Amino acid sequence: MKKITIAIDGYSSCGKSTMAKDLAHKIGYIYIDTGAMYRAVTLYALDHHLFSSDGSIKTNALKEEMPNIHIHFQLSHDTGYLQTYLNGKCVEKEIRSLEVSSHVSPIATLPFVREALVAQQQEMGKQKGIVMDGRDIGTVVFPDAELKIFVTARAEVRAQRRYEELKAKNMPADYDAIFENIRQRDDIDTHRKISPLRKADDAIELDNSEMTIQEQTDWLLRHYQTATQTN
């Protein structure tokens, strides 16, 4: 069967990463979490004090540091899924913290950050047979992807899911703070000048507010099968 590129875009905390990861696992594709790449850059910026006291980014300093930020994905023998590594260290847990979530959107608006990471993402996808999720995969990274999905869900549903995810990992979780963070990220993601979040003209929309994981999986598999038959 001919391999294709699957691009999954959508709002924060919609479960894009989980569905993309599971789909790739089921169909034998490589999964690439682009959001994790931006989170890794954000973690680096936080760890190296590249945010001012008022929350603004020390842009020039971060730009100078970009050659020192090396991100790669490595298969976990425990889970069977790829994990995010920053400069040789697994940071899968650290990049999911609320602190990183609160700072990642401004980092992702920086043209030099996006340029560097998009180039890496396009290189990763040259051989096809990948599932990639993020904010601009179907519009910027892979505009010619054979299957594009745009995921959305109500903000309160997304906040509850994020809250439960953090609690399950024994990480600090406050529903109101998470909801506000999601609201702010939606506003930043959809209004940024560089690669704003938007549904590609040929993307299929998936509102998973009321769907179970199994229903999502079945839905995705049907569209994958259709795409591979028509491409």
Protein backbone atom coordinates (compact mmCIF):
# COMPACT_ATOMS: atom_id res chain seq x y z
CA MET A 1 0.00 0.00 0.00
CA LYS A 2 1.33 3.44 -0.95
CA LYS A 3 2.46 5.47 2.06
CA ILE A 4 1.03 8.93 2.57
CA THR A 5 1.55 11.96 4.80
CA ILE A 6 -1.10 12.58 7.45
CA ALA A 7 -1.31 16.11 8.87
CA ILE A 8 -3.32 16.69 12.06
CA ASP A 9 -3.86 20.30 13.14
CA GLY A 10 -6.11 21.85 15.75
CA TYR A 11 -6.55 23.68 19.00
CA SER A 12 -4.49 23.01 22.13
CA SER A 13 -5.51 20.15 24.42
CA CYS A 14 -7.77 18.52 21.83
CA GLY A 15 -5.94 15.24 22.17
CA LYS A 16 -4.18 15.64 18.80
CA SER A 17 -0.98 14.06 20.03
CA THR A 18 -2.74 11.05 21.53
CA MET A 19 -4.82 10.36 18.43
CA ALA A 20 -1.89 10.94 16.07
CA LYS A 21 0.36 8.69 18.16
CA ASP A 22 -2.22 5.90 18.31
CA LEU A 23 -3.04 6.15 14.61
CA ALA A 24 0.64 5.93 13.66
CA HIS A 25 1.08 2.93 15.93
CA LYS A 26 -1.87 1.10 14.37
CA ILE A 27 -0.91 1.69 10.73
CA GLY A 28 2.86 1.31 11.18
CA TYR A 29 3.74 4.95 10.48
CA ILE A 30 6.21 7.22 12.25
CA TYR A 31 4.62 9.76 14.60
CA ILE A 32 6.15 13.22 14.99
CA ASP A 33 4.85 15.57 17.69
CA THR A 34 5.71 19.06 16.42
CA GLY A 35 4.13 20.66 19.47
CA ALA A 36 6.71 18.85 21.58
CA MET A 37 9.43 20.53 19.53
CA TYR A 38 8.12 24.00 20.34
CA ARG A 39 7.68 22.96 23.96
CA ALA A 40 11.30 21.80 24.04
CA VAL A 41 12.49 25.19 22.81
CA THR A 42 10.30 26.81 25.47
CA LEU A 43 11.74 24.57 28.19
CA TYR A 44 15.24 25.51 27.07
CA ALA A 45 14.31 29.21 27.22
CA LEU A 46 12.90 28.81 30.73
CA ASP A 47 15.89 26.84 31.97
CA HIS A 48 18.32 29.39 30.53
CA HIS A 49 16.44 32.45 31.86
CA LEU A 50 15.51 33.75 28.43
CA PHE A 51 12.27 35.26 29.70
CA SER A 52 12.28 38.69 31.36
CA SER A 53 10.56 39.31 34.70
CA ASP A 54 7.54 40.70 32.84
CA GLY A 55 7.19 37.47 30.86
CA SER A 56 8.56 38.84 27.59
CA ILE A 57 11.07 36.79 25.61
CA LYS A 58 14.70 37.85 25.34
CA THR A 59 14.42 37.42 21.59
CA ASN A 60 17.99 38.23 20.56
CA ALA A 61 19.42 35.95 23.23
CA LEU A 62 17.14 33.08 22.19
CA LYS A 63 18.03 33.57 18.52
CA GLU A 64 21.72 33.27 19.41
CA GLU A 65 20.99 30.09 21.40
CA MET A 66 19.02 28.31 18.65
CA PRO A 67 22.13 26.51 17.24
CA ASN A 68 22.58 25.02 20.74
CA ILE A 69 19.05 23.57 20.86
CA HIS A 70 19.03 20.02 19.54
CA ILE A 71 15.75 18.11 19.50
CA HIS A 72 15.21 14.52 18.49
CA PHE A 73 12.73 11.72 19.09
CA GLN A 74 13.68 8.32 20.43
CA LEU A 75 11.59 5.18 20.76
CA SER A 76 10.72 4.18 24.32
CA HIS A 77 11.10 0.44 24.84
CA ASP A 78 8.60 0.68 27.73
CA THR A 79 5.74 2.33 25.81
CA GLY A 80 6.64 1.64 22.19
CA TYR A 81 6.19 5.35 21.40
CA LEU A 82 8.64 8.11 20.53
CA GLN A 83 9.78 10.40 23.35
CA THR A 84 11.16 13.93 23.08
CA TYR A 85 14.83 14.55 23.81
CA LEU A 86 16.40 17.98 24.31
CA ASN A 87 20.18 18.05 23.99
CA GLY A 88 20.37 14.34 24.75
CA LYS A 89 18.02 14.35 27.76
CA CYS A 90 14.47 12.93 27.75
CA VAL A 91 12.15 15.84 28.61
CA GLU A 92 8.79 14.23 27.84
CA LYS A 93 7.44 14.98 31.33
CA GLU A 94 8.96 18.44 31.74
CA ILE A 95 7.56 19.82 28.47
CA ARG A 96 3.99 18.93 29.52
CA SER A 97 4.04 21.16 32.63
CA LEU A 98 1.66 24.11 32.97
CA GLU A 99 4.66 26.47 33.13
CA VAL A 100 5.78 25.37 29.67
CA SER A 101 2.18 25.46 28.41
CA SER A 102 1.90 29.06 29.62
CA HIS A 103 4.98 30.18 27.68
CA VAL A 104 4.94 28.08 24.50
CA SER A 105 2.57 30.15 22.33
CA PRO A 106 4.74 33.34 22.36
CA ILE A 107 7.80 31.21 21.55
CA ALA A 108 5.92 29.62 18.63
CA THR A 109 5.18 33.06 17.11
CA LEU A 110 8.86 33.86 16.62
CA PRO A 111 9.77 33.60 12.91
CA PHE A 112 13.30 32.27 13.50
CA VAL A 113 11.98 29.51 15.79
CA ARG A 114 9.31 28.46 13.30
CA GLU A 115 11.74 28.58 10.38
CA ALA A 116 14.22 26.31 12.16
CA LEU A 117 11.64 23.77 13.33
CA VAL A 118 9.61 23.69 10.10
CA ALA A 119 12.81 22.87 8.19
CA GLN A 120 13.46 19.97 10.58
CA GLN A 121 9.87 18.75 10.25
CA GLN A 122 9.93 18.81 6.46
CA GLU A 123 13.18 16.85 6.48
CA MET A 124 11.61 14.25 8.79
CA GLY A 125 8.68 13.79 6.41
CA LYS A 126 10.49 13.41 3.10
CA GLN A 127 10.00 9.64 2.99
CA LYS A 128 6.26 9.85 3.81
CA GLY A 129 4.68 7.22 6.03
CA ILE A 130 4.35 9.75 8.86
CA VAL A 131 1.65 11.21 11.07
CA MET A 132 2.49 14.72 12.21
CA ASP A 133 0.42 16.96 14.44
CA GLY A 134 0.64 20.63 15.33
CA ARG A 135 -0.86 23.99 14.39
CA ASP A 136 0.28 24.52 10.80
CA ILE A 137 1.11 21.09 9.44
CA GLY A 138 -1.55 21.03 6.73
CA THR A 139 -1.18 24.71 5.85
CA VAL A 140 2.59 25.33 6.01
CA VAL A 141 4.71 22.25 6.74
CA PHE A 142 2.95 19.79 4.40
CA PRO A 143 0.40 21.68 2.28
CA ASP A 144 0.35 18.69 -0.11
CA ALA A 145 -0.39 16.08 2.56
CA GLU A 146 -2.76 13.42 1.26
CA LEU A 147 -4.85 13.45 4.46
CA LYS A 148 -5.46 16.55 6.58
CA ILE A 149 -7.45 16.54 9.80
CA PHE A 150 -8.45 19.64 11.79
CA VAL A 151 -9.38 18.85 15.40
CA THR A 152 -11.51 20.97 17.69
CA ALA A 153 -13.42 20.61 20.95
CA ARG A 154 -15.16 22.92 23.41
CA ALA A 155 -12.75 24.84 25.66
CA GLU A 156 -14.23 23.48 28.89
CA VAL A 157 -13.86 19.91 27.62
CA ARG A 158 -10.24 20.54 26.70
CA ALA A 159 -9.50 22.08 30.10
CA GLN A 160 -11.01 19.10 31.91
CA ARG A 161 -8.98 16.66 29.82
CA ARG A 162 -5.78 18.57 30.50
CA TYR A 163 -6.59 18.72 34.21
CA GLU A 164 -7.14 14.96 34.38
CA GLU A 165 -3.96 14.30 32.38
CA LEU A 166 -1.81 16.32 34.79
CA LYS A 167 -3.45 14.75 37.86
CA ALA A 168 -2.80 11.27 36.44
CA LYS A 169 0.89 12.18 36.16
CA ASN A 170 0.92 13.54 39.75
CA MET A 171 1.68 17.02 38.44
CA PRO A 172 0.23 20.29 39.80
CA ALA A 173 -3.20 20.96 38.29
CA ASP A 174 -5.67 23.83 38.69
CA TYR A 175 -8.73 23.70 36.43
CA ASP A 176 -9.33 27.48 36.35
CA ALA A 177 -5.69 28.19 35.51
CA ILE A 178 -5.74 25.54 32.78
CA PHE A 179 -8.97 26.91 31.29
CA GLU A 180 -7.52 30.43 31.18
CA ASN A 181 -4.32 29.13 29.63
CA ILE A 182 -6.31 27.36 26.89
CA ARG A 183 -8.34 30.50 26.22
CA GLN A 184 -5.19 32.59 25.91
CA ARG A 185 -3.43 30.05 23.71
CA ASP A 186 -6.43 29.87 21.37
CA ASP A 187 -6.31 33.65 20.97
CA ILE A 188 -2.56 33.74 20.36
CA ASP A 189 -2.55 30.75 18.01
CA THR A 190 -5.35 32.07 15.80
CA HIS A 191 -4.15 35.68 15.66
CA ARG A 192 -0.38 35.38 15.31
CA LYS A 193 1.09 36.88 12.13
CA ILE A 194 3.32 33.90 11.34
CA SER A 195 1.47 30.68 10.41
CA PRO A 196 -1.74 31.27 12.41
CA LEU A 197 -3.86 28.29 13.37
CA ARG A 198 -6.50 27.77 10.70
CA LYS A 199 -8.24 24.92 8.98
CA ALA A 200 -6.77 24.08 5.58
CA ASP A 201 -9.31 24.30 2.78
CA ASP A 202 -9.05 20.57 2.10
CA ALA A 203 -8.90 19.45 5.75
CA ILE A 204 -11.60 17.29 7.33
CA GLU A 205 -12.88 18.72 10.61
CA LEU A 206 -13.20 16.52 13.68
CA ASP A 207 -15.03 17.84 16.76
CA ASN A 208 -14.22 15.28 19.42
CA SER A 209 -15.97 16.98 22.34
CA GLU A 210 -18.31 14.03 22.82
CA MET A 211 -16.24 11.22 21.31
CA THR A 212 -14.52 8.34 23.05
CA ILE A 213 -10.94 7.38 22.18
CA GLN A 214 -12.23 4.31 20.33
CA GLU A 215 -14.71 6.39 18.30
CA GLN A 216 -11.89 8.77 17.34
CA THR A 217 -9.68 5.87 16.31
CA ASP A 218 -12.40 4.30 14.18
CA TRP A 219 -13.12 7.68 12.54
CA LEU A 220 -9.44 8.26 11.75
CA LEU A 221 -8.93 4.76 10.37
CA ARG A 222 -11.88 5.15 8.01
CA HIS A 223 -10.47 8.39 6.60
CA TYR A 224 -6.97 6.91 6.38
CA GLN A 225 -8.30 3.96 4.38
CA THR A 226 -10.19 6.28 2.06
CA ALA A 227 -7.11 8.48 1.54
CA THR A 228 -4.84 5.55 0.71
CA GLN A 229 -7.36 4.20 -1.80
CA THR A 230 -7.71 7.51 -3.62
CA ASN A 231 -4.07 8.63 -3.64
